[in-house]
């Protein structure tokens, strides 16, 4: 397709990668529409609110952002969103005020100038060790005894985690050694919610799952989508599939691509993860005495089925109810899946009773990500970075791909954003395209007119998840209450998640 000044684009998937790609394309003066199969945006960024009371929520997905150079793109995005004082005022989008908070990246990015250290380091690790499991590396290269390897895996990771590739484990280590971590007040869901609001909800169709992809004459791509009340076919110049491999594989009405691509779609390793949020009448874990040390944020690990106990940092040392999270990945998560919600609650409370004496939990809720279309989070087996990564990222005509599994940083928001940035650079043939940051202001334009593209469209536009409508969020900057719900509050530093003097890895989608 010849280069044009403006394309009509579509992103299938309203997670971090799909929204970020859409905002980049919109900033570059292209018309974009996002199709999201559920009734909310964010994907595995999901905050569950137990009530409207302060701090009565838990992060069912992403919880924290490491303050390191590998996650600069996430902090840039947050500052970009915070640079729109009148976010949501569609009529004034071309006349926004200047950013109203300092950019956290000033001075920090200077350290990254010059050769791309991460890329060079990553390539070296892939070439030397990607075909090793981490356990094999510790046995054969480091000569660790098996008992020591088993102990270290138990207290620092998940059951079976050392069966992952050395490359995967090295990238995990580079992220988790960060000493300073950040979060978003009132819940991480405010980040994708703000992205969607800036993009414009007229540019997003909820409850619309893509069921087919057809290449049509002239190089365009026809998306076949199915909603609650209609089926509709819409043509776009270019399409991004920002969905995990499991969802892509079940999209059966599509072209058959070459063997390496299809093999990558089938074989890229995803591992399940599971979280349960339990709300208690008191924050008893902060009130322990004698030999028990109070837990003021952070987490603990155990060999009981719950494996990880997370003490959220929001609401520390406040009176009233509090929320604990129990957390498991990989084989530890799989054991929870056959149980009913009631059985999972019973097991979790029994395990916690072995660790603490506490009052009964109320209003528990849980999320089994392994049963969603994502099936979990990307964690590559030996050889997959070397053999599957490049074919999985490769575009197919005017169909492009994005997602955290197509980045070096699996599980992290920054991985999804990095992947989206690479994809849009490829789409627009602009390898130096800047990420979303306050210094580069957009020219925001109208939506793709679905009525014009498909006159018979009659989607039921499903409202956003009700948890966003009941959140008690301070109205600021003169916004309406609805607008304020879409703004992420400024990042506030939290405790560094110290456990026994060292930083402990946060399990699951981060």
Foldseek 3Di string as FASTA:
>chain_A
DDADQEWEEEEEAQALLRLQLLVLNLQSPYFYFYEYQAQAHHQQFDKAALFQDFQRIDGQGDFWAFPDPLQLLVLQLQQLLQQFLAQLPVVCQQPGDGHDDDRPCVVVCVVCPDDRVVVVVLVVCQVPWLQDQQVRCCCPVVVDDPVVVVVCCLFFHAVPNSQFTPLLVVLLVVRQQRQWIWGFGLGPSLSSLLSCSNSPVVRYFYSKHFQAWDQDPPLWIWTWIDHPPDIFIFITNFYEHAAALLLVVNSPHYDDDDDLQVCLSPDFDFKWKKKKKWKAFFQVLQVDDDPRHRDQFFWGADPQLLGIKGQHNGPGPHGTMHMIMRMHMGPSLVVCVVDDPVVSQVSVVVVVVVVDPGDDTPDMDMDTCCPDSNNFKGGGGRPCVVRRQVSNQDADRRYGYFYLNNASNILESSSRSVRSVVRSCVNNVNPPSDRSGSVSRGDRDDHDPVCVRTVPDDHDRNHHDCSLVSHDFDDDSPYDPVSRSSRGDDMDIGGSNDDPRGRHRDDGRD
